[in-house]
């Protein structure tokens, strides 16, 4: 045990209560009401993640452009767009938390 599990639990609860996270949960709930749409979004997210992990530079730019055109029909659905925007906001929040923690620890 680290000795500050309670503080971690409290902080986690605080993050879960942020408007950013609550918006994400609501947008996910709305999207999951349509199981087929949810599955299509899951496929899109997996493919995009794999592409970002494997490619870089010009190839990444060119493939991303083509990929976004391929999924334009999906991304034009307001429920999908709002969910992906909310997901990105949560990711940015988590990045900010991580960066703040690392900077405070002078972790190089």
C-alpha atoms as a PDB file:
ATOM      1  CA  UNK A   1       0.000   0.000   0.000  1.00  0.00           C
ATOM      2  CA  UNK A   2       1.219   3.460  -0.868  1.00  0.00           C
ATOM      3  CA  UNK A   3      -0.362   5.207   2.077  1.00  0.00           C
ATOM      4  CA  UNK A   4      -2.347   7.696   0.028  1.00  0.00           C
ATOM      5  CA  UNK A   5      -4.943   5.470  -1.598  1.00  0.00           C
ATOM      6  CA  UNK A   6      -7.732   7.595  -0.059  1.00  0.00           C
ATOM      7  CA  UNK A   7      -6.364  10.716  -1.743  1.00  0.00           C
ATOM      8  CA  UNK A   8      -6.159   8.898  -5.073  1.00  0.00           C
ATOM      9  CA  UNK A   9      -9.719   7.654  -4.634  1.00  0.00           C
ATOM     10  CA  UNK A  10     -10.911  11.180  -3.763  1.00  0.00           C
ATOM     11  CA  UNK A  11      -9.122  12.671  -6.756  1.00  0.00           C
ATOM     12  CA  UNK A  12     -10.556  10.008  -9.046  1.00  0.00           C
ATOM     13  CA  UNK A  13     -14.035  10.805  -7.756  1.00  0.00           C
ATOM     14  CA  UNK A  14     -13.390  14.509  -8.366  1.00  0.00           C
ATOM     15  CA  UNK A  15     -12.408  13.795 -11.970  1.00  0.00           C
ATOM     16  CA  UNK A  16     -15.521  11.651 -12.413  1.00  0.00           C
ATOM     17  CA  UNK A  17     -17.651  14.591 -11.265  1.00  0.00           C
ATOM     18  CA  UNK A  18     -16.187  17.134 -13.702  1.00  0.00           C
ATOM     19  CA  UNK A  19     -18.479  18.545 -16.384  1.00  0.00           C
ATOM     20  CA  UNK A  20     -16.044  17.225 -18.984  1.00  0.00           C
ATOM     21  CA  UNK A  21     -16.342  13.634 -17.796  1.00  0.00           C
ATOM     22  CA  UNK A  22     -20.076  13.829 -17.126  1.00  0.00           C
ATOM     23  CA  UNK A  23     -20.623  15.149 -20.656  1.00  0.00           C
ATOM     24  CA  UNK A  24     -18.600  12.227 -22.030  1.00  0.00           C
ATOM     25  CA  UNK A  25     -20.711   9.725 -20.075  1.00  0.00           C
ATOM     26  CA  UNK A  26     -23.919  11.316 -21.352  1.00  0.00           C
ATOM     27  CA  UNK A  27     -22.761  11.367 -24.988  1.00  0.00           C
ATOM     28  CA  UNK A  28     -21.673   7.733 -24.697  1.00  0.00           C
ATOM     29  CA  UNK A  29     -25.055   6.786 -23.219  1.00  0.00           C
ATOM     30  CA  UNK A  30     -26.863   8.462 -26.110  1.00  0.00           C
ATOM     31  CA  UNK A  31     -24.656   6.798 -28.697  1.00  0.00           C
ATOM     32  CA  UNK A  32     -25.017   3.340 -27.130  1.00  0.00           C
ATOM     33  CA  UNK A  33     -28.797   3.582 -27.483  1.00  0.00           C
ATOM     34  CA  UNK A  34     -28.179   2.657 -31.120  1.00  0.00           C
ATOM     35  CA  UNK A  35     -26.167  -0.562 -30.872  1.00  0.00           C
ATOM     36  CA  UNK A  36     -25.303  -0.688 -34.565  1.00  0.00           C
ATOM     37  CA  UNK A  37     -24.063   2.897 -34.530  1.00  0.00           C
ATOM     38  CA  UNK A  38     -22.069   2.226 -31.348  1.00  0.00           C
ATOM     39  CA  UNK A  39     -20.399  -0.774 -33.011  1.00  0.00           C
ATOM     40  CA  UNK A  40     -19.550   1.316 -36.081  1.00  0.00           C
ATOM     41  CA  UNK A  41     -17.995   3.987 -33.887  1.00  0.00           C
ATOM     42  CA  UNK A  42     -16.030   1.336 -31.995  1.00  0.00           C
ATOM     43  CA  UNK A  43     -14.665   0.028 -35.297  1.00  0.00           C
ATOM     44  CA  UNK A  44     -13.775   3.562 -36.415  1.00  0.00           C
ATOM     45  CA  UNK A  45     -11.982   4.297 -33.132  1.00  0.00           C
ATOM     46  CA  UNK A  46      -9.998   1.039 -33.266  1.00  0.00           C
ATOM     47  CA  UNK A  47      -8.916   1.592 -36.848  1.00  0.00           C
ATOM     48  CA  UNK A  48      -7.947   5.197 -36.137  1.00  0.00           C
ATOM     49  CA  UNK A  49      -5.971   4.189 -33.048  1.00  0.00           C
ATOM     50  CA  UNK A  50      -4.140   1.458 -34.967  1.00  0.00           C
ATOM     51  CA  UNK A  51      -3.366   3.853 -37.798  1.00  0.00           C
ATOM     52  CA  UNK A  52      -2.008   6.501 -35.417  1.00  0.00           C
ATOM     53  CA  UNK A  53       0.130   3.929 -33.627  1.00  0.00           C
ATOM     54  CA  UNK A  54       1.666   2.527 -36.800  1.00  0.00           C
ATOM     55  CA  UNK A  55       2.110   5.545 -39.081  1.00  0.00           C
ATOM     56  CA  UNK A  56       3.926   8.857 -38.900  1.00  0.00           C
ATOM     57  CA  UNK A  57       4.771  11.935 -40.942  1.00  0.00           C
ATOM     58  CA  UNK A  58       3.427  12.392 -44.460  1.00  0.00           C
ATOM     59  CA  UNK A  59       2.095   8.857 -44.616  1.00  0.00           C
ATOM     60  CA  UNK A  60       0.055   9.509 -41.471  1.00  0.00           C
ATOM     61  CA  UNK A  61      -1.293  12.772 -42.895  1.00  0.00           C
ATOM     62  CA  UNK A  62      -2.249  11.204 -46.231  1.00  0.00           C
ATOM     63  CA  UNK A  63      -3.847   8.132 -44.684  1.00  0.00           C
ATOM     64  CA  UNK A  64      -5.727  10.215 -42.111  1.00  0.00           C
ATOM     65  CA  UNK A  65      -7.228  12.376 -44.826  1.00  0.00           C
ATOM     66  CA  UNK A  66      -8.387   9.319 -46.791  1.00  0.00           C
ATOM     67  CA  UNK A  67      -9.582   7.620 -43.610  1.00  0.00           C
ATOM     68  CA  UNK A  68     -11.692  10.617 -42.587  1.00  0.00           C
ATOM     69  CA  UNK A  69     -13.277  10.726 -46.064  1.00  0.00           C
ATOM     70  CA  UNK A  70     -14.027   6.997 -45.823  1.00  0.00           C
ATOM     71  CA  UNK A  71     -15.884   7.551 -42.541  1.00  0.00           C
ATOM     72  CA  UNK A  72     -17.455  10.906 -43.435  1.00  0.00           C
ATOM     73  CA  UNK A  73     -20.899   9.293 -43.398  1.00  0.00           C
ATOM     74  CA  UNK A  74     -20.352   8.200 -39.809  1.00  0.00           C
ATOM     75  CA  UNK A  75     -18.743  11.415 -38.592  1.00  0.00           C
ATOM     76  CA  UNK A  76     -21.598  13.490 -40.005  1.00  0.00           C
ATOM     77  CA  UNK A  77     -23.978  11.984 -37.425  1.00  0.00           C
ATOM     78  CA  UNK A  78     -24.267  14.594 -34.654  1.00  0.00           C
ATOM     79  CA  UNK A  79     -24.348  11.885 -31.969  1.00  0.00           C
ATOM     80  CA  UNK A  80     -21.035  10.510 -33.204  1.00  0.00           C
ATOM     81  CA  UNK A  81     -19.439  13.943 -33.530  1.00  0.00           C
ATOM     82  CA  UNK A  82     -20.531  14.953 -30.038  1.00  0.00           C
ATOM     83  CA  UNK A  83     -19.291  11.683 -28.549  1.00  0.00           C
ATOM     84  CA  UNK A  84     -15.887  11.963 -30.240  1.00  0.00           C
ATOM     85  CA  UNK A  85     -15.566  15.610 -29.143  1.00  0.00           C
ATOM     86  CA  UNK A  86     -16.434  14.616 -25.577  1.00  0.00           C
ATOM     87  CA  UNK A  87     -13.959  11.733 -25.685  1.00  0.00           C
ATOM     88  CA  UNK A  88     -11.227  14.078 -26.913  1.00  0.00           C
ATOM     89  CA  UNK A  89     -12.001  16.500 -24.082  1.00  0.00           C
ATOM     90  CA  UNK A  90     -11.565  13.677 -21.528  1.00  0.00           C
ATOM     91  CA  UNK A  91      -8.286  12.659 -23.164  1.00  0.00           C
ATOM     92  CA  UNK A  92      -7.040  16.248 -22.942  1.00  0.00           C
ATOM     93  CA  UNK A  93      -8.078  16.420 -19.295  1.00  0.00           C
ATOM     94  CA  UNK A  94      -6.156  13.229 -18.546  1.00  0.00           C
ATOM     95  CA  UNK A  95      -3.118  14.536 -20.439  1.00  0.00           C
ATOM     96  CA  UNK A  96      -3.237  17.756 -18.424  1.00  0.00           C
ATOM     97  CA  UNK A  97      -3.428  15.802 -15.168  1.00  0.00           C
ATOM     98  CA  UNK A  98      -0.541  13.564 -16.196  1.00  0.00           C
ATOM     99  CA  UNK A  99       1.601  16.474 -17.373  1.00  0.00           C
ATOM    100  CA  UNK A 100       0.893  18.452 -14.195  1.00  0.00           C
ATOM    101  CA  UNK A 101       1.851  15.500 -12.028  1.00  0.00           C
ATOM    102  CA  UNK A 102       5.058  14.793 -13.932  1.00  0.00           C
ATOM    103  CA  UNK A 103       6.062  18.478 -13.904  1.00  0.00           C
ATOM    104  CA  UNK A 104       5.391  18.754 -10.163  1.00  0.00           C
ATOM    105  CA  UNK A 105       7.594  15.696  -9.562  1.00  0.00           C
ATOM    106  CA  UNK A 106      10.407  17.063 -11.731  1.00  0.00           C
ATOM    107  CA  UNK A 107      10.329  13.709 -13.468  1.00  0.00           C
ATOM    108  CA  UNK A 108      12.658  13.734 -16.455  1.00  0.00           C
END
